[in-house]
Amino acid sequence: MKFIITESQYNLIGRTGLFEGEIILELERTWSDSEYEDQYERLKGGMIKIVKKMMVSYFGDEEVINIYGKDKKRLMSYYKTGNELYYDRSISKIMETILPHPMWLVHGKYIMSDVFESFFPDHKVKRCYSANMS
């Protein structure tokens, strides 16, 4: 099945990757949350500090970088091959109690990618997901 879309629609959903037909979605604001971008710029400093305090140590190899919390629980995993960041849902639960609704829902993935990139500035997050980590 093929869809016909405009160039602006194509730019909203992503760009063609290195391999023909592969779509790489960029971690950027979409039409549904672009109106909150200014709000994030005002609040990100404090929100990032809160999340960074949860991080204690990390371990990395050729494929993945894992960041751990105080209780030695894995809080983040960054997969280098896909530039994907997964963060533990426990962070979401904590942040949802701190921030008024729906701030975490709108800004969570941007906060987590900014936190990771502050620790590892040479890695760029393309996709960011909340996950149950063990």
N, C-alpha and C. Protein backbone atom coordinates (compact mmCIF):
# COMPACT_ATOMS: atom_id res chain seq x y z
N MET A 1 0.85 -1.17 0.00
CA MET A 1 0.00 0.00 0.00
C MET A 1 0.89 1.23 0.00
N LYS A 2 0.56 2.20 -0.80
CA LYS A 2 1.30 3.46 -0.86
C LYS A 2 0.36 4.60 -0.53
N PHE A 3 0.93 5.63 0.10
CA PHE A 3 0.18 6.82 0.44
C PHE A 3 0.78 8.01 -0.29
N ILE A 4 -0.05 8.90 -0.72
CA ILE A 4 0.42 10.14 -1.32
C ILE A 4 0.31 11.22 -0.26
N ILE A 5 1.46 11.86 0.02
CA ILE A 5 1.48 12.91 1.03
C ILE A 5 2.21 14.11 0.47
N THR A 6 1.98 15.25 1.09
CA THR A 6 2.67 16.47 0.68
C THR A 6 4.07 16.50 1.28
N GLU A 7 4.91 17.40 0.81
CA GLU A 7 6.27 17.52 1.34
C GLU A 7 6.24 17.95 2.81
N SER A 8 5.32 18.84 3.17
CA SER A 8 5.24 19.27 4.57
C SER A 8 4.81 18.13 5.48
N GLN A 9 3.91 17.25 5.01
CA GLN A 9 3.54 16.09 5.80
C GLN A 9 4.72 15.14 5.95
N TYR A 10 5.46 14.97 4.88
CA TYR A 10 6.65 14.13 4.92
C TYR A 10 7.66 14.67 5.94
N ASN A 11 7.83 15.98 5.96
CA ASN A 11 8.76 16.59 6.91
C ASN A 11 8.28 16.43 8.34
N LEU A 12 6.98 16.38 8.57
CA LEU A 12 6.46 16.17 9.92
C LEU A 12 6.74 14.76 10.42
N ILE A 13 6.66 13.76 9.56
CA ILE A 13 6.82 12.39 10.03
C ILE A 13 8.25 11.90 10.01
N GLY A 14 9.15 12.58 9.36
CA GLY A 14 10.54 12.14 9.37
C GLY A 14 11.25 12.44 8.09
N ARG A 15 12.36 11.71 7.92
CA ARG A 15 13.16 11.87 6.71
C ARG A 15 13.69 10.50 6.31
N THR A 16 14.10 10.37 5.06
CA THR A 16 14.64 9.10 4.59
C THR A 16 16.00 8.88 5.23
N GLY A 17 16.24 7.66 5.68
CA GLY A 17 17.49 7.33 6.35
C GLY A 17 18.58 6.92 5.39
N LEU A 18 19.59 6.25 5.91
CA LEU A 18 20.73 5.84 5.10
C LEU A 18 20.37 4.73 4.12
N PHE A 19 19.44 3.88 4.53
CA PHE A 19 19.05 2.78 3.69
C PHE A 19 17.76 3.14 2.97
N GLU A 20 17.65 2.76 1.72
CA GLU A 20 16.49 3.13 0.93
C GLU A 20 15.21 2.61 1.58
N GLY A 21 14.25 3.47 1.75
CA GLY A 21 12.96 3.09 2.32
C GLY A 21 12.90 3.19 3.84
N GLU A 22 14.05 3.31 4.50
CA GLU A 22 14.06 3.40 5.96
C GLU A 22 13.65 4.81 6.37
N ILE A 23 12.73 4.92 7.31
CA ILE A 23 12.31 6.22 7.82
C ILE A 23 12.89 6.40 9.22
N ILE A 24 13.60 7.49 9.44
CA ILE A 24 14.14 7.81 10.76
C ILE A 24 13.35 8.98 11.30
N LEU A 25 12.62 8.77 12.37
CA LEU A 25 11.87 9.87 12.97
C LEU A 25 12.78 10.66 13.88
N GLU A 26 12.78 11.94 13.70
CA GLU A 26 13.60 12.82 14.51
C GLU A 26 12.84 13.14 15.80
N LEU A 27 13.60 13.36 16.86
CA LEU A 27 13.00 13.76 18.12
C LEU A 27 12.80 15.27 18.06
N GLU A 28 11.66 15.67 17.57
CA GLU A 28 11.34 17.09 17.48
C GLU A 28 9.85 17.28 17.73
N ARG A 29 9.51 18.48 18.02
CA ARG A 29 8.11 18.79 18.31
C ARG A 29 7.24 18.58 17.09
N THR A 30 6.06 18.04 17.34
CA THR A 30 5.10 17.84 16.26
C THR A 30 4.05 18.94 16.34
N TRP A 31 3.14 18.94 15.41
CA TRP A 31 2.09 19.96 15.38
C TRP A 31 1.26 19.93 16.65
N SER A 32 1.13 18.76 17.30
CA SER A 32 0.25 18.65 18.47
C SER A 32 0.85 19.25 19.73
N ASP A 33 2.18 19.34 19.82
CA ASP A 33 2.77 19.92 21.03
C ASP A 33 3.72 21.08 20.76
N SER A 34 3.72 21.61 19.56
CA SER A 34 4.62 22.72 19.25
C SER A 34 4.27 23.99 20.02
N GLU A 35 3.02 24.13 20.41
CA GLU A 35 2.62 25.33 21.16
C GLU A 35 3.21 25.36 22.57
N TYR A 36 3.73 24.22 23.05
CA TYR A 36 4.30 24.15 24.40
C TYR A 36 5.81 24.32 24.42
N GLU A 37 6.42 24.56 23.28
CA GLU A 37 7.87 24.65 23.20
C GLU A 37 8.42 25.78 24.06
N ASP A 38 7.77 26.92 24.09
CA ASP A 38 8.23 28.04 24.93
C ASP A 38 8.15 27.69 26.40
N GLN A 39 7.10 26.96 26.78
CA GLN A 39 6.95 26.54 28.17
C GLN A 39 8.13 25.65 28.57
N TYR A 40 8.52 24.75 27.71
CA TYR A 40 9.64 23.85 28.00
C TYR A 40 10.94 24.63 28.17
N GLU A 41 11.18 25.60 27.34
CA GLU A 41 12.41 26.39 27.43
C GLU A 41 12.51 27.09 28.78
N ARG A 42 11.37 27.53 29.34
CA ARG A 42 11.38 28.21 30.64
C ARG A 42 11.62 27.23 31.79
N LEU A 43 11.13 26.00 31.66
CA LEU A 43 11.13 25.07 32.78
C LEU A 43 12.20 23.98 32.70
N LYS A 44 12.86 23.81 31.56
CA LYS A 44 13.72 22.65 31.39
C LYS A 44 14.89 22.61 32.36
N GLY A 45 15.46 23.73 32.72
CA GLY A 45 16.60 23.73 33.64
C GLY A 45 16.29 23.04 34.96
N GLY A 46 15.18 23.39 35.56
CA GLY A 46 14.79 22.78 36.84
C GLY A 46 14.39 21.33 36.69
N MET A 47 13.65 21.01 35.62
CA MET A 47 13.21 19.63 35.40
C MET A 47 14.40 18.71 35.13
N ILE A 48 15.36 19.18 34.37
CA ILE A 48 16.54 18.37 34.06
C ILE A 48 17.36 18.12 35.32
N LYS A 49 17.49 19.12 36.20
CA LYS A 49 18.23 18.95 37.45
C LYS A 49 17.61 17.87 38.32
N ILE A 50 16.27 17.84 38.39
CA ILE A 50 15.58 16.83 39.20
C ILE A 50 15.90 15.44 38.69
N VAL A 51 15.83 15.24 37.38
CA VAL A 51 16.08 13.91 36.81
C VAL A 51 17.55 13.53 36.93
N LYS A 52 18.46 14.48 36.72
CA LYS A 52 19.89 14.17 36.80
C LYS A 52 20.29 13.70 38.20
N LYS A 53 19.59 14.19 39.24
CA LYS A 53 19.91 13.77 40.60
C LYS A 53 19.59 12.29 40.83
N MET A 54 18.71 11.71 40.00
CA MET A 54 18.38 10.30 40.12
C MET A 54 19.48 9.40 39.56
N MET A 55 20.32 9.94 38.69
CA MET A 55 21.35 9.17 37.99
C MET A 55 22.62 9.11 38.83
N VAL A 56 23.21 7.92 38.95
CA VAL A 56 24.39 7.76 39.78
C VAL A 56 25.59 7.21 38.99
N SER A 57 25.36 6.20 38.16
CA SER A 57 26.48 5.58 37.45
C SER A 57 26.04 5.14 36.07
N TYR A 58 27.02 4.74 35.27
CA TYR A 58 26.69 4.26 33.92
C TYR A 58 27.68 3.17 33.51
N PHE A 59 27.27 2.40 32.53
CA PHE A 59 28.12 1.40 31.90
C PHE A 59 27.84 1.42 30.42
N GLY A 60 28.88 1.44 29.61
CA GLY A 60 28.69 1.48 28.17
C GLY A 60 29.62 0.52 27.45
N ASP A 61 29.17 0.04 26.31
CA ASP A 61 30.00 -0.75 25.42
C ASP A 61 29.76 -0.30 23.98
N GLU A 62 30.09 -1.13 23.01
CA GLU A 62 29.96 -0.74 21.61
C GLU A 62 28.51 -0.56 21.18
N GLU A 63 27.57 -1.22 21.86
CA GLU A 63 26.18 -1.22 21.41
C GLU A 63 25.23 -0.38 22.26
N VAL A 64 25.47 -0.33 23.57
CA VAL A 64 24.49 0.29 24.46
C VAL A 64 25.19 1.03 25.60
N ILE A 65 24.53 2.08 26.09
CA ILE A 65 24.95 2.79 27.29
C ILE A 65 23.80 2.69 28.28
N ASN A 66 24.08 2.15 29.46
CA ASN A 66 23.07 2.04 30.52
C ASN A 66 23.41 3.01 31.64
N ILE A 67 22.39 3.70 32.15
CA ILE A 67 22.56 4.62 33.28
C ILE A 67 21.75 4.06 34.44
N TYR A 68 22.36 4.06 35.63
CA TYR A 68 21.76 3.43 36.81
C TYR A 68 21.47 4.46 37.89
N GLY A 69 20.50 4.13 38.74
CA GLY A 69 20.13 4.96 39.87
C GLY A 69 20.81 4.53 41.15
N LYS A 70 20.40 5.14 42.26
CA LYS A 70 21.01 4.87 43.56
C LYS A 70 20.86 3.43 43.99
N ASP A 71 19.74 2.82 43.68
CA ASP A 71 19.50 1.44 44.07
C ASP A 71 20.03 0.44 43.05
N LYS A 72 20.93 0.88 42.17
CA LYS A 72 21.55 0.08 41.11
C LYS A 72 20.54 -0.44 40.10
N LYS A 73 19.40 0.24 40.02
CA LYS A 73 18.39 -0.10 39.04
C LYS A 73 18.67 0.68 37.75
N ARG A 74 18.53 0.00 36.62
CA ARG A 74 18.76 0.66 35.34
C ARG A 74 17.64 1.66 35.08
N LEU A 75 18.01 2.92 34.85
CA LEU A 75 17.04 3.97 34.60
C LEU A 75 16.94 4.37 33.13
N MET A 76 18.05 4.20 32.38
CA MET A 76 18.07 4.57 30.97
C MET A 76 18.94 3.59 30.20
N SER A 77 18.55 3.33 28.96
CA SER A 77 19.38 2.58 28.03
C SER A 77 19.37 3.29 26.70
N TYR A 78 20.55 3.54 26.19
CA TYR A 78 20.70 4.19 24.89
C TYR A 78 21.33 3.19 23.93
N TYR A 79 20.62 2.89 22.85
CA TYR A 79 21.11 1.95 21.85
C TYR A 79 21.73 2.75 20.71
N LYS A 80 23.03 2.56 20.53
CA LYS A 80 23.79 3.37 19.59
C LYS A 80 23.39 3.13 18.14
N THR A 81 23.03 1.90 17.78
CA THR A 81 22.73 1.61 16.38
C THR A 81 21.51 2.37 15.89
N GLY A 82 20.49 2.54 16.70
CA GLY A 82 19.30 3.26 16.28
C GLY A 82 19.15 4.63 16.90
N ASN A 83 20.14 5.03 17.72
CA ASN A 83 20.07 6.30 18.45
C ASN A 83 18.78 6.39 19.26
N GLU A 84 18.41 5.27 19.88
CA GLU A 84 17.17 5.18 20.65
C GLU A 84 17.47 5.22 22.14
N LEU A 85 16.68 6.00 22.86
CA LEU A 85 16.80 6.10 24.30
C LEU A 85 15.53 5.55 24.94
N TYR A 86 15.70 4.62 25.87
CA TYR A 86 14.59 4.08 26.65
C TYR A 86 14.82 4.48 28.10
N TYR A 87 13.77 4.98 28.75
CA TYR A 87 13.91 5.35 30.16
C TYR A 87 12.83 4.65 30.97
N ASP A 88 13.13 4.39 32.24
CA ASP A 88 12.26 3.61 33.09
C ASP A 88 10.99 4.38 33.45
N ARG A 89 9.90 3.66 33.47
CA ARG A 89 8.61 4.29 33.80
C ARG A 89 8.56 4.82 35.23
N SER A 90 9.43 4.33 36.09
CA SER A 90 9.45 4.84 37.46
C SER A 90 9.77 6.33 37.47
N ILE A 91 10.58 6.79 36.52
CA ILE A 91 10.88 8.22 36.40
C ILE A 91 9.61 8.97 36.04
N SER A 92 8.83 8.40 35.13
CA SER A 92 7.56 9.04 34.74
C SER A 92 6.64 9.17 35.93
N LYS A 93 6.54 8.12 36.74
CA LYS A 93 5.65 8.16 37.91
C LYS A 93 6.07 9.25 38.89
N ILE A 94 7.38 9.37 39.12
CA ILE A 94 7.88 10.41 40.03
C ILE A 94 7.60 11.79 39.47
N MET A 95 7.91 12.00 38.21
CA MET A 95 7.75 13.32 37.60
C MET A 95 6.28 13.73 37.47
N GLU A 96 5.40 12.75 37.27
CA GLU A 96 3.97 13.07 37.20
C GLU A 96 3.43 13.57 38.53
N THR A 97 4.05 13.16 39.65
CA THR A 97 3.62 13.67 40.96
C THR A 97 4.20 15.05 41.24
N ILE A 98 5.36 15.36 40.66
CA ILE A 98 6.01 16.65 40.88
C ILE A 98 5.41 17.75 40.01
N LEU A 99 5.19 17.42 38.75
CA LEU A 99 4.74 18.43 37.77
C LEU A 99 3.23 18.43 37.63
N PRO A 100 2.63 19.59 37.41
CA PRO A 100 1.19 19.62 37.15
C PRO A 100 0.87 18.93 35.82
N HIS A 101 -0.28 18.30 35.77
CA HIS A 101 -0.73 17.62 34.56
C HIS A 101 -0.97 18.66 33.47
N PRO A 102 -0.63 18.48 32.26
CA PRO A 102 0.02 17.37 31.54
C PRO A 102 1.47 17.66 31.19
N MET A 103 2.20 18.38 32.03
CA MET A 103 3.56 18.80 31.68
C MET A 103 4.49 17.64 31.36
N TRP A 104 4.46 16.58 32.15
CA TRP A 104 5.34 15.46 31.88
C TRP A 104 4.96 14.75 30.59
N LEU A 105 3.67 14.63 30.34
CA LEU A 105 3.23 13.98 29.11
C LEU A 105 3.73 14.72 27.88
N VAL A 106 3.74 16.04 27.94
CA VAL A 106 4.15 16.85 26.80
C VAL A 106 5.67 16.92 26.69
N HIS A 107 6.37 17.06 27.82
CA HIS A 107 7.80 17.35 27.79
C HIS A 107 8.70 16.19 28.19
N GLY A 108 8.16 15.09 28.65
CA GLY A 108 8.98 13.99 29.20
C GLY A 108 10.08 13.49 28.29
N LYS A 109 9.75 13.19 27.05
CA LYS A 109 10.78 12.63 26.16
C LYS A 109 11.87 13.66 25.85
N TYR A 110 11.53 14.94 25.84
CA TYR A 110 12.54 15.97 25.59
C TYR A 110 13.44 16.16 26.80
N ILE A 111 12.87 16.07 28.00
CA ILE A 111 13.66 16.14 29.22
C ILE A 111 14.65 14.99 29.26
N MET A 112 14.16 13.78 29.00
CA MET A 112 15.02 12.61 29.08
C MET A 112 16.13 12.65 28.03
N SER A 113 15.81 13.09 26.83
CA SER A 113 16.86 13.18 25.81
C SER A 113 17.88 14.26 26.18
N ASP A 114 17.43 15.38 26.74
CA ASP A 114 18.35 16.44 27.17
C ASP A 114 19.24 15.97 28.32
N VAL A 115 18.67 15.20 29.25
CA VAL A 115 19.47 14.65 30.36
C VAL A 115 20.55 13.74 29.81
N PHE A 116 20.17 12.82 28.93
CA PHE A 116 21.15 11.89 28.37
C PHE A 116 22.23 12.65 27.60
N GLU A 117 21.83 13.59 26.77
CA GLU A 117 22.80 14.33 25.96
C GLU A 117 23.68 15.24 26.81
N SER A 118 23.24 15.62 28.02
CA SER A 118 24.11 16.39 28.90
C SER A 118 25.23 15.51 29.46
N PHE A 119 24.96 14.21 29.67
CA PHE A 119 25.99 13.28 30.11
C PHE A 119 26.88 12.83 28.95
N PHE A 120 26.28 12.64 27.79
CA PHE A 120 26.99 12.12 26.62
C PHE A 120 26.73 13.02 25.41
N PRO A 121 27.39 14.17 25.35
CA PRO A 121 27.11 15.13 24.28
C PRO A 121 27.48 14.65 22.87
N ASP A 122 28.29 13.60 22.78
CA ASP A 122 28.68 13.10 21.46
C ASP A 122 27.66 12.12 20.88
N HIS A 123 26.58 11.83 21.61
CA HIS A 123 25.51 10.94 21.13
C HIS A 123 24.22 11.75 20.97
N LYS A 124 23.56 11.59 19.85
CA LYS A 124 22.31 12.31 19.55
C LYS A 124 21.14 11.35 19.66
N VAL A 125 20.12 11.71 20.42
CA VAL A 125 18.92 10.90 20.58
C VAL A 125 17.96 11.21 19.43
N LYS A 126 17.58 10.17 18.69
CA LYS A 126 16.63 10.33 17.58
C LYS A 126 15.22 9.91 18.00
N ARG A 127 15.15 8.91 18.89
CA ARG A 127 13.86 8.41 19.38
C ARG A 127 13.96 8.22 20.89
N CYS A 128 12.87 8.45 21.59
CA CYS A 128 12.86 8.35 23.04
C CYS A 128 11.56 7.71 23.50
N TYR A 129 11.67 6.65 24.34
CA TYR A 129 10.50 5.90 24.77
C TYR A 129 10.55 5.63 26.26
N SER A 130 9.39 5.57 26.87
CA SER A 130 9.25 5.12 28.25
C SER A 130 9.05 3.61 28.22
N ALA A 131 9.70 2.88 29.15
CA ALA A 131 9.63 1.42 29.16
C ALA A 131 9.75 0.91 30.57
N ASN A 132 9.28 -0.31 30.80
CA ASN A 132 9.53 -1.00 32.07
C ASN A 132 10.89 -1.64 31.99
N MET A 133 11.79 -1.26 32.88
CA MET A 133 13.15 -1.78 32.85
C MET A 133 13.40 -2.60 34.10
N SER A 134 14.19 -3.65 33.94
CA SER A 134 14.51 -4.48 35.10
C SER A 134 15.99 -4.51 35.34
